[in-house]
Every structure is written in C-alpha cells, then in structure tokens.
Amino acid sequence: MFDPSNLNTRSQDLETAWHDAGQFYWGKPSSWLEGKPVFGPKSIPIKLPRYRVQDIDTMEDWSRAEYIFKLINKL
C-alpha cells in the first residue's frame, strides 16, 4: 500500500503502479564500480507484460513460473 488513505479504495480505481521485476539492468561499468544508484533521473523503465514476470520466492512461485513457461511455449 503506497498511501494508507486509499485503504478502502478498490485497486481498480487507483492509478496503475509498477514494480521492479529485477529482470535486467544496463549501465556503464564505471557507474557500477562507483556504486552509483541503479534508479536515478536517467533511468528508463522497460514495461513487461504481467505474464512475462514471476517473482520466485517459494516452490509455489516456481511451479507457477514453469506452468506459464509451458503455456507460452505451446503457441
């Protein structure tokens, strides 16, 4: 929840929110070595479709990722 005042607001009525999928990051080697922040004014997001992103923290998440992968590759 980004804003507690929205506690009783339906998620469909809120502004679309995005999160970092952690899929990939590009940057100059010098920036990485200098410890510059990954997210800054020059950062550009790449929006991925929801079905292409799966956060894997549990065996259930892993199973879901495998299932989606199989479905996508049947096409």
PDB file of N, CA and C in Angstrom:
ATOM      1  N   MET A   1       0.862  -1.174   0.000  1.00  0.00           N
ATOM      2  CA  MET A   1       0.000   0.000   0.000  1.00  0.00           C
ATOM      3  C   MET A   1       0.903   1.230   0.000  1.00  0.00           C
ATOM      4  N   PHE A   2       0.759   2.041  -1.047  1.00  0.00           N
ATOM      5  CA  PHE A   2       1.578   3.247  -1.165  1.00  0.00           C
ATOM      6  C   PHE A   2       1.051   4.379  -0.289  1.00  0.00           C
ATOM      7  N   ASP A   3      -0.260   4.444  -0.145  1.00  0.00           N
ATOM      8  CA  ASP A   3      -0.882   5.551   0.577  1.00  0.00           C
ATOM      9  C   ASP A   3      -1.997   5.002   1.464  1.00  0.00           C
ATOM     10  N   PRO A   4      -1.803   5.000   2.777  1.00  0.00           N
ATOM     11  CA  PRO A   4      -2.809   4.446   3.685  1.00  0.00           C
ATOM     12  C   PRO A   4      -4.194   5.078   3.541  1.00  0.00           C
ATOM     13  N   SER A   5      -4.275   6.297   3.000  1.00  0.00           N
ATOM     14  CA  SER A   5      -5.597   6.914   2.836  1.00  0.00           C
ATOM     15  C   SER A   5      -6.419   6.178   1.773  1.00  0.00           C
ATOM     16  N   ASN A   6      -5.799   5.309   1.000  1.00  0.00           N
ATOM     17  CA  ASN A   6      -6.513   4.526  -0.019  1.00  0.00           C
ATOM     18  C   ASN A   6      -6.950   3.157   0.490  1.00  0.00           C
ATOM     19  N   LEU A   7      -6.874   2.938   1.789  1.00  0.00           N
ATOM     20  CA  LEU A   7      -7.193   1.642   2.377  1.00  0.00           C
ATOM     21  C   LEU A   7      -8.528   1.095   1.892  1.00  0.00           C
ATOM     22  N   ASN A   8      -9.533   1.917   1.792  1.00  0.00           N
ATOM     23  CA  ASN A   8     -10.875   1.466   1.413  1.00  0.00           C
ATOM     24  C   ASN A   8     -11.204   1.734  -0.051  1.00  0.00           C
ATOM     25  N   THR A   9     -10.192   2.010  -0.865  1.00  0.00           N
ATOM     26  CA  THR A   9     -10.394   2.265  -2.290  1.00  0.00           C
ATOM     27  C   THR A   9     -10.120   0.978  -3.060  1.00  0.00           C
ATOM     28  N   ARG A  10     -11.004   0.675  -4.019  1.00  0.00           N
ATOM     29  CA  ARG A  10     -10.780  -0.507  -4.855  1.00  0.00           C
ATOM     30  C   ARG A  10      -9.509  -0.312  -5.680  1.00  0.00           C
ATOM     31  N   SER A  11      -8.727  -1.356  -5.817  1.00  0.00           N
ATOM     32  CA  SER A  11      -7.465  -1.242  -6.572  1.00  0.00           C
ATOM     33  C   SER A  11      -7.717  -0.836  -8.022  1.00  0.00           C
ATOM     34  N   GLN A  12      -8.876  -1.223  -8.582  1.00  0.00           N
ATOM     35  CA  GLN A  12      -9.215  -0.849  -9.964  1.00  0.00           C
ATOM     36  C   GLN A  12      -9.359   0.665 -10.118  1.00  0.00           C
ATOM     37  N   ASP A  13      -9.643   1.353  -9.020  1.00  0.00           N
ATOM     38  CA  ASP A  13      -9.858   2.799  -9.073  1.00  0.00           C
ATOM     39  C   ASP A  13      -8.583   3.595  -8.805  1.00  0.00           C
ATOM     40  N   LEU A  14      -7.494   2.900  -8.522  1.00  0.00           N
ATOM     41  CA  LEU A  14      -6.231   3.580  -8.236  1.00  0.00           C
ATOM     42  C   LEU A  14      -5.395   3.713  -9.506  1.00  0.00           C
ATOM     43  N   GLU A  15      -4.454   4.622  -9.473  1.00  0.00           N
ATOM     44  CA  GLU A  15      -3.521   4.787 -10.580  1.00  0.00           C
ATOM     45  C   GLU A  15      -2.698   3.500 -10.727  1.00  0.00           C
ATOM     46  N   THR A  16      -2.388   3.125 -11.963  1.00  0.00           N
ATOM     47  CA  THR A  16      -1.583   1.932 -12.211  1.00  0.00           C
ATOM     48  C   THR A  16      -0.220   2.076 -11.552  1.00  0.00           C
ATOM     49  N   ALA A  17       0.201   1.037 -10.866  1.00  0.00           N
ATOM     50  CA  ALA A  17       1.506   1.044 -10.201  1.00  0.00           C
ATOM     51  C   ALA A  17       2.392  -0.011 -10.851  1.00  0.00           C
ATOM     52  N   TRP A  18       3.676   0.264 -10.892  1.00  0.00           N
ATOM     53  CA  TRP A  18       4.649  -0.668 -11.463  1.00  0.00           C
ATOM     54  C   TRP A  18       5.655  -1.030 -10.382  1.00  0.00           C
ATOM     55  N   HIS A  19       6.282  -2.173 -10.521  1.00  0.00           N
ATOM     56  CA  HIS A  19       7.334  -2.546  -9.577  1.00  0.00           C
ATOM     57  C   HIS A  19       8.526  -3.074 -10.360  1.00  0.00           C
ATOM     58  N   ASP A  20       9.662  -3.063  -9.723  1.00  0.00           N
ATOM     59  CA  ASP A  20      10.896  -3.541 -10.333  1.00  0.00           C
ATOM     60  C   ASP A  20      10.869  -5.061 -10.379  1.00  0.00           C
ATOM     61  N   ALA A  21      10.892  -5.597 -11.593  1.00  0.00           N
ATOM     62  CA  ALA A  21      10.876  -7.050 -11.744  1.00  0.00           C
ATOM     63  C   ALA A  21      12.265  -7.652 -11.561  1.00  0.00           C
ATOM     64  N   GLY A  22      13.287  -6.813 -11.558  1.00  0.00           N
ATOM     65  CA  GLY A  22      14.644  -7.310 -11.366  1.00  0.00           C
ATOM     66  C   GLY A  22      15.139  -8.170 -12.511  1.00  0.00           C
ATOM     67  N   GLN A  23      14.551  -8.017 -13.677  1.00  0.00           N
ATOM     68  CA  GLN A  23      14.912  -8.851 -14.822  1.00  0.00           C
ATOM     69  C   GLN A  23      16.305  -8.536 -15.350  1.00  0.00           C
ATOM     70  N   PHE A  24      16.600  -7.272 -15.519  1.00  0.00           N
ATOM     71  CA  PHE A  24      17.886  -6.858 -16.070  1.00  0.00           C
ATOM     72  C   PHE A  24      18.124  -5.381 -15.833  1.00  0.00           C
ATOM     73  N   TYR A  25      19.392  -5.014 -15.805  1.00  0.00           N
ATOM     74  CA  TYR A  25      19.798  -3.618 -15.663  1.00  0.00           C
ATOM     75  C   TYR A  25      20.971  -3.389 -16.618  1.00  0.00           C
ATOM     76  N   TRP A  26      20.979  -2.254 -17.260  1.00  0.00           N
ATOM     77  CA  TRP A  26      22.102  -1.876 -18.112  1.00  0.00           C
ATOM     78  C   TRP A  26      22.739  -0.631 -17.532  1.00  0.00           C
ATOM     79  N   GLY A  27      24.030  -0.529 -17.656  1.00  0.00           N
ATOM     80  CA  GLY A  27      24.717   0.664 -17.176  1.00  0.00           C
ATOM     81  C   GLY A  27      26.183   0.610 -17.567  1.00  0.00           C
ATOM     82  N   LYS A  28      26.838   1.716 -17.366  1.00  0.00           N
ATOM     83  CA  LYS A  28      28.272   1.795 -17.652  1.00  0.00           C
ATOM     84  C   LYS A  28      29.037   1.076 -16.544  1.00  0.00           C
ATOM     85  N   PRO A  29      30.089   0.348 -16.910  1.00  0.00           N
ATOM     86  CA  PRO A  29      30.885  -0.324 -15.874  1.00  0.00           C
ATOM     87  C   PRO A  29      31.364   0.645 -14.793  1.00  0.00           C
ATOM     88  N   SER A  30      31.741   1.854 -15.195  1.00  0.00           N
ATOM     89  CA  SER A  30      32.240   2.822 -14.210  1.00  0.00           C
ATOM     90  C   SER A  30      31.161   3.188 -13.195  1.00  0.00           C
ATOM     91  N   SER A  31      29.920   3.264 -13.631  1.00  0.00           N
ATOM     92  CA  SER A  31      28.829   3.588 -12.700  1.00  0.00           C
ATOM     93  C   SER A  31      28.643   2.484 -11.669  1.00  0.00           C
ATOM     94  N   TRP A  32      28.741   1.226 -12.113  1.00  0.00           N
ATOM     95  CA  TRP A  32      28.610   0.107 -11.182  1.00  0.00           C
ATOM     96  C   TRP A  32      29.766   0.132 -10.181  1.00  0.00           C
ATOM     97  N   LEU A  33      30.978   0.337 -10.710  1.00  0.00           N
ATOM     98  CA  LEU A  33      32.154   0.323  -9.841  1.00  0.00           C
ATOM     99  C   LEU A  33      32.148   1.469  -8.837  1.00  0.00           C
ATOM    100  N   GLU A  34      31.561   2.603  -9.225  1.00  0.00           N
ATOM    101  CA  GLU A  34      31.482   3.763  -8.330  1.00  0.00           C
ATOM    102  C   GLU A  34      30.311   3.660  -7.356  1.00  0.00           C
ATOM    103  N   GLY A  35      29.484   2.627  -7.515  1.00  0.00           N
ATOM    104  CA  GLY A  35      28.354   2.430  -6.605  1.00  0.00           C
ATOM    105  C   GLY A  35      27.225   3.421  -6.804  1.00  0.00           C
ATOM    106  N   LYS A  36      27.097   3.947  -8.024  1.00  0.00           N
ATOM    107  CA  LYS A  36      26.002   4.890  -8.292  1.00  0.00           C
ATOM    108  C   LYS A  36      24.671   4.154  -8.201  1.00  0.00           C
ATOM    109  N   PRO A  37      23.604   4.855  -7.813  1.00  0.00           N
ATOM    110  CA  PRO A  37      22.294   4.202  -7.676  1.00  0.00           C
ATOM    111  C   PRO A  37      21.788   3.678  -9.025  1.00  0.00           C
ATOM    112  N   VAL A  38      21.110   2.550  -8.972  1.00  0.00           N
ATOM    113  CA  VAL A  38      20.537   1.960 -10.182  1.00  0.00           C
ATOM    114  C   VAL A  38      19.401   2.836 -10.707  1.00  0.00           C
ATOM    115  N   PHE A  39      18.595   3.376  -9.802  1.00  0.00           N
ATOM    116  CA  PHE A  39      17.457   4.204 -10.205  1.00  0.00           C
ATOM    117  C   PHE A  39      17.798   5.663  -9.979  1.00  0.00           C
ATOM    118  N   GLY A  40      17.704   6.443 -11.037  1.00  0.00           N
ATOM    119  CA  GLY A  40      18.007   7.865 -10.959  1.00  0.00           C
ATOM    120  C   GLY A  40      17.284   8.613 -12.056  1.00  0.00           C
ATOM    121  N   PRO A  41      17.607   9.891 -12.227  1.00  0.00           N
ATOM    122  CA  PRO A  41      16.912  10.709 -13.210  1.00  0.00           C
ATOM    123  C   PRO A  41      17.066  10.202 -14.647  1.00  0.00           C
ATOM    124  N   LYS A  42      18.126   9.470 -14.933  1.00  0.00           N
ATOM    125  CA  LYS A  42      18.341   8.978 -16.298  1.00  0.00           C
ATOM    126  C   LYS A  42      17.838   7.541 -16.484  1.00  0.00           C
ATOM    127  N   SER A  43      17.228   6.971 -15.458  1.00  0.00           N
ATOM    128  CA  SER A  43      16.696   5.610 -15.554  1.00  0.00           C
ATOM    129  C   SER A  43      15.495   5.577 -16.491  1.00  0.00           C
ATOM    130  N   ILE A  44      15.410   4.514 -17.267  1.00  0.00           N
ATOM    131  CA  ILE A  44      14.289   4.342 -18.200  1.00  0.00           C
ATOM    132  C   ILE A  44      13.691   2.963 -17.952  1.00  0.00           C
ATOM    133  N   PRO A  45      12.391   2.888 -17.639  1.00  0.00           N
ATOM    134  CA  PRO A  45      11.787   1.576 -17.404  1.00  0.00           C
ATOM    135  C   PRO A  45      11.469   0.867 -18.717  1.00  0.00           C
ATOM    136  N   ILE A  46      11.509  -0.428 -18.669  1.00  0.00           N
ATOM    137  CA  ILE A  46      11.026  -1.248 -19.776  1.00  0.00           C
ATOM    138  C   ILE A  46       9.831  -2.008 -19.224  1.00  0.00           C
ATOM    139  N   LYS A  47       8.660  -1.682 -19.713  1.00  0.00           N
ATOM    140  CA  LYS A  47       7.430  -2.291 -19.194  1.00  0.00           C
ATOM    141  C   LYS A  47       7.264  -3.682 -19.786  1.00  0.00           C
ATOM    142  N   LEU A  48       7.121  -4.658 -18.905  1.00  0.00           N
ATOM    143  CA  LEU A  48       6.944  -6.044 -19.314  1.00  0.00           C
ATOM    144  C   LEU A  48       5.508  -6.467 -19.056  1.00  0.00           C
ATOM    145  N   PRO A  49       4.941  -7.283 -19.945  1.00  0.00           N
ATOM    146  CA  PRO A  49       3.585  -7.777 -19.679  1.00  0.00           C
ATOM    147  C   PRO A  49       3.584  -8.633 -18.411  1.00  0.00           C
ATOM    148  N   ARG A  50       2.508  -8.570 -17.689  1.00  0.00           N
ATOM    149  CA  ARG A  50       2.400  -9.269 -16.409  1.00  0.00           C
ATOM    150  C   ARG A  50       2.708 -10.761 -16.525  1.00  0.00           C
ATOM    151  N   TYR A  51       2.306 -11.380 -17.641  1.00  0.00           N
ATOM    152  CA  TYR A  51       2.524 -12.820 -17.783  1.00  0.00           C
ATOM    153  C   TYR A  51       3.993 -13.174 -18.035  1.00  0.00           C
ATOM    154  N   ARG A  52       4.838 -12.188 -18.291  1.00  0.00           N
ATOM    155  CA  ARG A  52       6.258 -12.433 -18.539  1.00  0.00           C
ATOM    156  C   ARG A  52       7.117 -12.246 -17.283  1.00  0.00           C
ATOM    157  N   VAL A  53       6.477 -11.927 -16.153  1.00  0.00           N
ATOM    158  CA  VAL A  53       7.218 -11.657 -14.924  1.00  0.00           C
ATOM    159  C   VAL A  53       6.687 -12.557 -13.819  1.00  0.00           C
ATOM    160  N   GLN A  54       7.583 -13.239 -13.131  1.00  0.00           N
ATOM    161  CA  GLN A  54       7.187 -14.056 -11.988  1.00  0.00           C
ATOM    162  C   GLN A  54       8.250 -13.929 -10.917  1.00  0.00           C
ATOM    163  N   ASP A  55       7.875 -13.376  -9.792  1.00  0.00           N
ATOM    164  CA  ASP A  55       8.784 -13.300  -8.650  1.00  0.00           C
ATOM    165  C   ASP A  55       8.824 -14.688  -8.021  1.00  0.00           C
ATOM    166  N   ILE A  56      10.002 -15.234  -7.840  1.00  0.00           N
ATOM    167  CA  ILE A  56      10.112 -16.592  -7.310  1.00  0.00           C
ATOM    168  C   ILE A  56      10.741 -16.547  -5.924  1.00  0.00           C
ATOM    169  N   ASP A  57       9.885 -16.779  -4.925  1.00  0.00           N
ATOM    170  CA  ASP A  57      10.315 -16.831  -3.532  1.00  0.00           C
ATOM    171  C   ASP A  57       9.984 -18.174  -2.887  1.00  0.00           C
ATOM    172  N   THR A  58       9.051 -18.891  -3.499  1.00  0.00           N
ATOM    173  CA  THR A  58       8.593 -20.150  -2.910  1.00  0.00           C
ATOM    174  C   THR A  58       8.517 -21.224  -3.999  1.00  0.00           C
ATOM    175  N   MET A  59       8.342 -22.467  -3.588  1.00  0.00           N
ATOM    176  CA  MET A  59       8.162 -23.556  -4.558  1.00  0.00           C
ATOM    177  C   MET A  59       6.880 -23.356  -5.359  1.00  0.00           C
ATOM    178  N   GLU A  60       5.863 -22.770  -4.730  1.00  0.00           N
ATOM    179  CA  GLU A  60       4.616 -22.483  -5.449  1.00  0.00           C
ATOM    180  C   GLU A  60       4.880 -21.465  -6.569  1.00  0.00           C
ATOM    181  N   ASP A  61       5.687 -20.435  -6.292  1.00  0.00           N
ATOM    182  CA  ASP A  61       6.055 -19.458  -7.314  1.00  0.00           C
ATOM    183  C   ASP A  61       6.790 -20.147  -8.464  1.00  0.00           C
ATOM    184  N   TRP A  62       7.701 -21.056  -8.122  1.00  0.00           N
ATOM    185  CA  TRP A  62       8.471 -21.780  -9.142  1.00  0.00           C
ATOM    186  C   TRP A  62       7.531 -22.609 -10.025  1.00  0.00           C
ATOM    187  N   SER A  63       6.592 -23.302  -9.403  1.00  0.00           N
ATOM    188  CA  SER A  63       5.622 -24.108 -10.155  1.00  0.00           C
ATOM    189  C   SER A  63       4.803 -23.240 -11.095  1.00  0.00           C
ATOM    190  N   ARG A  64       4.395 -22.082 -10.612  1.00  0.00           N
ATOM    191  CA  ARG A  64       3.624 -21.164 -11.454  1.00  0.00           C
ATOM    192  C   ARG A  64       4.465 -20.695 -12.637  1.00  0.00           C
ATOM    193  N   ALA A  65       5.724 -20.379 -12.395  1.00  0.00           N
ATOM    194  CA  ALA A  65       6.610 -19.936 -13.469  1.00  0.00           C
ATOM    195  C   ALA A  65       6.768 -21.035 -14.513  1.00  0.00           C
ATOM    196  N   GLU A  66       6.938 -22.279 -14.079  1.00  0.00           N
ATOM    197  CA  GLU A  66       7.059 -23.387 -15.027  1.00  0.00           C
ATOM    198  C   GLU A  66       5.786 -23.566 -15.831  1.00  0.00           C
ATOM    199  N   TYR A  67       4.645 -23.449 -15.186  1.00  0.00           N
ATOM    200  CA  TYR A  67       3.355 -23.592 -15.859  1.00  0.00           C
ATOM    201  C   TYR A  67       3.186 -22.508 -16.931  1.00  0.00           C
ATOM    202  N   ILE A  68       3.469 -21.274 -16.576  1.00  0.00           N
ATOM    203  CA  ILE A  68       3.343 -20.167 -17.530  1.00  0.00           C
ATOM    204  C   ILE A  68       4.323 -20.364 -18.685  1.00  0.00           C
ATOM    205  N   PHE A  69       5.553 -20.785 -18.377  1.00  0.00           N
ATOM    206  CA  PHE A  69       6.554 -21.024 -19.415  1.00  0.00           C
ATOM    207  C   PHE A  69       6.046 -22.067 -20.413  1.00  0.00           C
ATOM    208  N   LYS A  70       5.487 -23.165 -19.899  1.00  0.00           N
ATOM    209  CA  LYS A  70       4.961 -24.217 -20.774  1.00  0.00           C
ATOM    210  C   LYS A  70       3.823 -23.698 -21.642  1.00  0.00           C
ATOM    211  N   LEU A  71       2.937 -22.914 -21.063  1.00  0.00           N
ATOM    212  CA  LEU A  71       1.823 -22.356 -21.827  1.00  0.00           C
ATOM    213  C   LEU A  71       2.307 -21.424 -22.945  1.00  0.00           C
ATOM    214  N   ILE A  72       3.253 -20.577 -22.622  1.00  0.00           N
ATOM    215  CA  ILE A  72       3.774 -19.620 -23.598  1.00  0.00           C
ATOM    216  C   ILE A  72       4.450 -20.357 -24.750  1.00  0.00           C
ATOM    217  N   ASN A  73       5.175 -21.411 -24.437  1.00  0.00           N
ATOM    218  CA  ASN A  73       5.943 -22.129 -25.467  1.00  0.00           C
ATOM    219  C   ASN A  73       5.116 -23.130 -26.258  1.00  0.00           C
ATOM    220  N   LYS A  74       3.852 -23.317 -25.911  1.00  0.00           N
ATOM    221  CA  LYS A  74       2.956 -24.166 -26.703  1.00  0.00           C
ATOM    222  C   LYS A  74       2.493 -23.439 -27.959  1.00  0.00           C
ATOM    223  N   LEU A  75       2.513 -22.111 -27.900  1.00  0.00           N
ATOM    224  CA  LEU A  75       1.967 -21.314 -29.011  1.00  0.00           C
ATOM    225  C   LEU A  75       2.778 -21.401 -30.238  1.00  0.00           C
TER     226      LEU A  75
END
